[in-house]
Protein backbone atom coordinates (compact mmCIF):
# COMPACT_ATOMS: atom_id res chain seq x y z
CA MET A 1 -18.44 2.42 -12.38
CA HIS A 2 -16.79 -0.28 -14.43
CA SER A 3 -17.49 -3.03 -11.90
CA ALA A 4 -21.13 -1.90 -11.78
CA GLY A 5 -21.38 -2.41 -15.52
CA LYS A 6 -21.69 1.31 -16.25
CA LYS A 7 -19.85 2.99 -19.09
CA VAL A 8 -16.90 5.06 -17.92
CA ASP A 9 -17.35 8.36 -19.76
CA GLU A 10 -17.25 12.06 -18.95
CA GLU A 11 -20.97 12.41 -18.19
CA SER A 12 -21.07 9.39 -15.88
CA LEU A 13 -17.96 10.48 -14.02
CA LYS A 14 -19.34 14.02 -13.59
CA LYS A 15 -22.57 12.58 -12.12
CA VAL A 16 -20.66 10.40 -9.65
CA MET A 17 -18.44 13.27 -8.57
CA SER A 18 -21.41 15.61 -8.15
CA ALA A 19 -23.31 12.99 -6.14
CA ALA A 20 -20.30 12.69 -3.82
CA SER A 21 -20.22 16.50 -3.40
CA ILE A 22 -16.83 16.69 -5.11
CA GLU A 23 -16.06 19.73 -7.23
CA VAL A 24 -15.92 18.72 -10.90
CA ASN A 25 -12.73 19.70 -12.71
CA GLU A 26 -13.49 19.42 -16.43
CA ALA A 27 -9.84 19.25 -17.50
CA LYS A 28 -9.00 16.42 -15.10
CA ILE A 29 -12.07 14.44 -16.10
CA LYS A 30 -11.22 14.78 -19.80
CA ALA A 31 -7.61 13.75 -19.12
CA LEU A 32 -8.71 10.71 -17.11
CA ILE A 33 -11.22 9.55 -19.72
CA SER A 34 -8.71 9.98 -22.54
CA SER A 35 -6.04 8.08 -20.60
CA LEU A 36 -8.47 5.17 -20.12
CA GLU A 37 -9.47 5.10 -23.78
CA ASN A 38 -7.29 2.13 -24.83
CA VAL A 39 -7.03 0.45 -21.43
CA ASN A 40 -8.54 -2.95 -20.69
CA ILE A 41 -9.83 -2.13 -17.21
CA ASP A 42 -10.37 -5.77 -16.21
CA GLU A 43 -6.76 -6.63 -17.09
CA ALA A 44 -5.46 -3.51 -15.29
CA ILE A 45 -7.36 -4.49 -12.14
CA LYS A 46 -5.97 -8.05 -12.20
CA THR A 47 -2.43 -6.73 -12.63
CA SER A 48 -2.74 -4.14 -9.87
CA ILE A 49 -4.19 -6.66 -7.41
CA ALA A 50 -1.14 -8.88 -7.85
CA VAL A 51 1.21 -5.98 -7.14
CA VAL A 52 -0.56 -4.48 -4.11
CA PRO A 53 0.00 -7.34 -1.61
CA ALA A 54 3.75 -7.33 -2.30
CA ALA A 55 3.92 -3.59 -1.72
CA GLN A 56 1.91 -3.89 1.50
CA ALA A 57 4.21 -6.63 2.80
CA GLN A 58 7.25 -4.43 2.27
CA ALA A 59 5.58 -1.45 3.90
CA SER A 60 4.49 -3.39 6.97
CA GLY A 61 7.92 -4.81 7.83
CA PRO A 62 9.96 -3.34 10.68
CA LYS A 63 12.01 -0.27 9.95
CA PRO A 64 15.82 -0.63 9.95
CA GLU A 65 16.05 1.57 13.05
CA GLU A 66 13.74 -0.80 14.94
CA LYS A 67 15.87 -3.78 13.95
CA LYS A 68 19.00 -2.12 15.35
CA GLU A 69 17.29 -1.41 18.65
CA LYS A 70 16.18 -5.03 18.96
CA LYS A 71 19.72 -6.25 18.30
CA LYS A 72 21.05 -4.02 21.07
CA ASP A 73 18.47 -5.38 23.51
CA ASP A 74 19.20 -8.97 22.46
CA THR A 75 22.93 -8.40 22.94
CA LYS A 76 22.38 -7.16 26.49
CA SER A 77 20.26 -10.17 27.32
CA GLU A 78 22.89 -12.55 25.97
CA GLU A 79 25.64 -10.79 27.95
CA GLU A 80 23.58 -10.96 31.13
CA ALA A 81 22.89 -14.64 30.56
CA ALA A 82 26.57 -15.35 29.92
CA SER A 83 27.66 -13.52 33.07
CA GLY A 84 25.07 -15.43 35.08
CA LEU A 85 26.40 -18.74 33.76
CA ALA A 86 29.97 -17.70 34.48
CA ALA A 87 29.00 -17.04 38.10
CA LEU A 88 27.65 -20.57 38.41
CA PHE A 89 30.82 -22.19 37.13
CA GLY A 90 33.26 -20.11 38.70
């Protein structure tokens, strides 16, 4: 609503929720509107955009368990290569 230039208030939010076939919870709407009362929405959006890519990068990295499995596979390959070289030399 904010990015569309519409005022973020209880009535507007109720209309959006109703249009999306979402059950309107009066208490939650009032709590949301009151929590946004002294918030600069543009500044909050800029701040949250800077934080989101860092969080996504951390979430998309390999899990520690996957790293351990790769190390085990790499170790086997190195051992096989070393034994193959040893056979060549002697």
